[in-house]
Amino acid sequence: MPFWVEQEHRDNDQHREIGITDTEAMELVTAFRLFGSWRLDLDSGHLFGSQDFSDLFGLDHTDGPMNMAAVSAQIHPDDLNFMMSTFERASVDKRTYHSIFRVGAEEENYRFLRTVGTFRDRPGTSGEVVGITYEFFPRRSGTAFVSADERWPLGSPGPDDALHEK
């Protein structure tokens, strides 16, 4: 089920060309969905993740290294070996990658997460793999705003739809 997608990484600075800063672009990308950041230190094997990363895995957040056994337990058993080999390939090949895998507790429905990661050199060390993770098929939630006076939950009929129902 899981897969590694190999393609040429492209640098994307288009937002800067029209006057949007890196900070603004990141704030916009992460504004309405869990968008977890993480870093895997290759020498120690320690994984560090943001609050959103912990939330995506259904784990309590910690400021220090994450409990790898707890993270691994959330990954679908058929996807776990694949995910471990993904980190190995990223560190050996020193490439940017993206992969899709399933997470969730045994008694709940698994969700698909997408991870984009890349090797980062750290002089004097074996380096690290850094990346972001987000839900690949996000569940619809929140509120869609049409105007200051109109709003309705996403996925529900819009204000004019009720007029046409019978």
Protein backbone atom coordinates (compact mmCIF):
# COMPACT_ATOMS: atom_id res chain seq x y z
CA MET A 1 0.00 0.00 0.00
CA PRO A 2 2.56 2.67 0.93
CA PHE A 3 4.76 4.09 -1.71
CA TRP A 4 7.84 6.19 -2.17
CA VAL A 5 7.63 8.70 -4.96
CA GLU A 6 10.88 9.48 -6.70
CA GLN A 7 10.87 12.56 -8.80
CA GLU A 8 13.02 15.59 -9.25
CA HIS A 9 12.73 17.97 -6.34
CA ARG A 10 11.93 21.48 -7.48
CA ASP A 11 12.77 24.61 -5.58
CA ASN A 12 9.70 26.77 -5.24
CA ASP A 13 10.19 30.44 -4.61
CA GLN A 14 7.28 31.69 -6.70
CA HIS A 15 5.65 33.25 -3.67
CA ARG A 16 8.68 35.51 -3.15
CA GLU A 17 8.44 36.73 -6.75
CA ILE A 18 5.02 38.25 -6.01
CA GLY A 19 5.89 39.66 -2.59
CA ILE A 20 4.80 36.88 -0.18
CA THR A 21 7.43 36.07 2.45
CA ASP A 22 8.46 32.55 3.44
CA THR A 23 6.85 33.12 6.84
CA GLU A 24 3.57 34.23 5.29
CA ALA A 25 3.56 31.25 2.91
CA MET A 26 4.12 28.84 5.81
CA GLU A 27 1.40 30.50 7.90
CA LEU A 28 -1.07 30.21 5.01
CA VAL A 29 -0.21 26.57 4.26
CA THR A 30 -0.64 25.58 7.90
CA ALA A 31 -3.62 27.81 8.76
CA PHE A 32 -6.43 25.27 8.39
CA ARG A 33 -4.94 21.82 8.78
CA LEU A 34 -2.62 19.91 11.04
CA PHE A 35 0.78 20.30 9.48
CA GLY A 36 3.39 18.56 11.59
CA SER A 37 7.10 19.31 11.40
CA TRP A 38 9.71 16.79 12.47
CA ARG A 39 13.43 16.06 12.62
CA LEU A 40 15.19 12.68 12.88
CA ASP A 41 18.75 12.83 14.22
CA LEU A 42 20.58 10.00 12.42
CA ASP A 43 23.33 9.58 15.03
CA SER A 44 21.05 9.22 18.05
CA GLY A 45 17.94 7.91 16.28
CA HIS A 46 15.89 10.51 18.17
CA LEU A 47 12.77 11.88 16.51
CA PHE A 48 11.60 15.37 17.43
CA GLY A 49 8.15 16.53 16.37
CA SER A 50 5.91 19.57 16.63
CA GLN A 51 2.58 19.61 18.47
CA ASP A 52 0.72 19.04 15.17
CA PHE A 53 2.95 16.05 14.41
CA SER A 54 2.05 14.51 17.77
CA ASP A 55 -1.64 15.24 17.15
CA LEU A 56 -1.54 13.54 13.74
CA PHE A 57 -0.28 10.39 15.45
CA GLY A 58 -2.74 10.70 18.35
CA LEU A 59 0.09 11.05 20.86
CA ASP A 60 0.75 13.37 23.78
CA HIS A 61 3.26 16.03 22.79
CA THR A 62 6.72 16.23 24.34
CA ASP A 63 9.41 18.86 23.88
CA GLY A 64 12.16 16.23 23.88
CA PRO A 65 12.63 13.15 21.74
CA MET A 66 9.43 11.30 20.92
CA ASN A 67 8.79 7.76 22.05
CA MET A 68 9.59 5.83 18.85
CA ALA A 69 7.72 2.75 20.06
CA ALA A 70 4.56 4.86 20.48
CA VAL A 71 4.99 6.51 17.07
CA SER A 72 5.64 3.13 15.42
CA ALA A 73 2.58 1.62 17.10
CA GLN A 74 0.39 4.18 15.33
CA ILE A 75 1.65 3.25 11.85
CA HIS A 76 -0.30 0.52 10.08
CA PRO A 77 1.65 -2.75 10.54
CA ASP A 78 1.86 -3.28 6.78
CA ASP A 79 3.43 0.19 6.35
CA LEU A 80 5.95 0.22 9.19
CA ASN A 81 8.89 -1.49 7.44
CA PHE A 82 8.34 0.74 4.45
CA MET A 83 8.50 3.85 6.62
CA MET A 84 11.74 2.72 8.27
CA SER A 85 13.31 2.05 4.87
CA THR A 86 12.15 5.50 3.72
CA PHE A 87 14.33 7.19 6.34
CA GLU A 88 17.24 4.97 5.38
CA ARG A 89 16.88 5.78 1.69
CA ALA A 90 16.57 9.51 2.36
CA SER A 91 19.74 9.51 4.47
CA VAL A 92 21.79 7.32 2.12
CA ASP A 93 20.64 8.93 -1.13
CA LYS A 94 20.48 12.45 0.41
CA ARG A 95 17.31 13.19 -1.54
CA THR A 96 13.98 14.84 -1.02
CA TYR A 97 11.07 12.39 -1.02
CA HIS A 98 7.40 12.06 -0.27
CA SER A 99 5.46 9.03 0.86
CA ILE A 100 1.95 8.12 1.89
CA PHE A 101 1.16 5.73 4.74
CA ARG A 102 -1.61 4.84 7.17
CA VAL A 103 -1.84 5.73 10.86
CA GLY A 104 -4.35 5.08 13.61
CA ALA A 105 -5.06 2.90 16.58
CA GLU A 106 -6.14 -0.68 15.93
CA GLU A 107 -9.73 0.01 16.87
CA GLU A 108 -10.22 3.14 14.78
CA ASN A 109 -10.21 3.69 11.06
CA TYR A 110 -6.76 4.26 9.65
CA ARG A 111 -6.07 7.65 8.09
CA PHE A 112 -3.64 8.42 5.29
CA LEU A 113 -0.73 10.74 6.06
CA ARG A 114 1.68 12.23 3.56
CA THR A 115 5.24 12.96 4.57
CA VAL A 116 7.68 15.11 2.64
CA GLY A 117 11.24 14.88 3.90
CA THR A 118 14.81 15.58 2.95
CA PHE A 119 18.29 14.84 4.17
CA ARG A 120 20.05 17.74 5.88
CA ASP A 121 23.81 17.72 6.37
CA ARG A 122 25.14 18.60 9.83
CA PRO A 123 28.94 18.89 9.85
CA GLY A 124 30.61 16.45 12.23
CA THR A 125 27.55 14.16 12.29
CA SER A 126 25.79 11.66 10.06
CA GLY A 127 23.19 14.37 9.40
CA GLU A 128 19.45 14.32 9.88
CA VAL A 129 16.24 13.86 7.97
CA VAL A 130 13.75 16.72 8.35
CA GLY A 131 10.25 17.08 7.03
CA ILE A 132 6.57 17.78 7.33
CA THR A 133 3.59 15.46 7.67
CA TYR A 134 -0.08 16.15 7.07
CA GLU A 135 -3.32 14.25 6.57
CA PHE A 136 -3.47 13.30 2.89
CA PHE A 137 -7.26 13.26 2.67
CA PRO A 138 -8.21 15.80 5.34
CA ARG A 139 -11.52 15.38 7.09
CA ARG A 140 -13.75 18.34 6.44
CA SER A 141 -14.21 20.49 9.47
CA GLY A 142 -14.50 24.10 10.45
CA THR A 143 -16.72 26.76 9.06
CA ALA A 144 -16.92 28.33 5.63
CA PHE A 145 -17.47 32.08 5.75
CA VAL A 146 -19.46 33.65 2.95
CA SER A 147 -19.91 37.06 4.54
CA ALA A 148 -19.86 38.51 8.03
CA ASP A 149 -23.53 37.55 8.44
CA GLU A 150 -23.53 34.16 6.72
CA ARG A 151 -21.66 31.01 7.65
CA TRP A 152 -22.36 27.29 7.64
CA PRO A 153 -20.39 24.12 8.40
CA LEU A 154 -18.29 22.85 5.52
CA GLY A 155 -19.99 20.06 3.63
CA SER A 156 -23.49 21.29 4.44
CA PRO A 157 -25.77 22.98 1.92
CA GLY A 158 -25.05 26.63 1.20
CA PRO A 159 -27.54 29.38 1.96
CA ASP A 160 -29.20 29.18 -1.45
CA ASP A 161 -29.44 25.36 -1.46
CA ALA A 162 -32.20 25.38 1.14
CA LEU A 163 -34.36 27.45 -1.22
CA HIS A 164 -34.17 24.79 -3.94
CA GLU A 165 -34.87 21.75 -1.74
CA LYS A 166 -38.30 20.07 -1.74
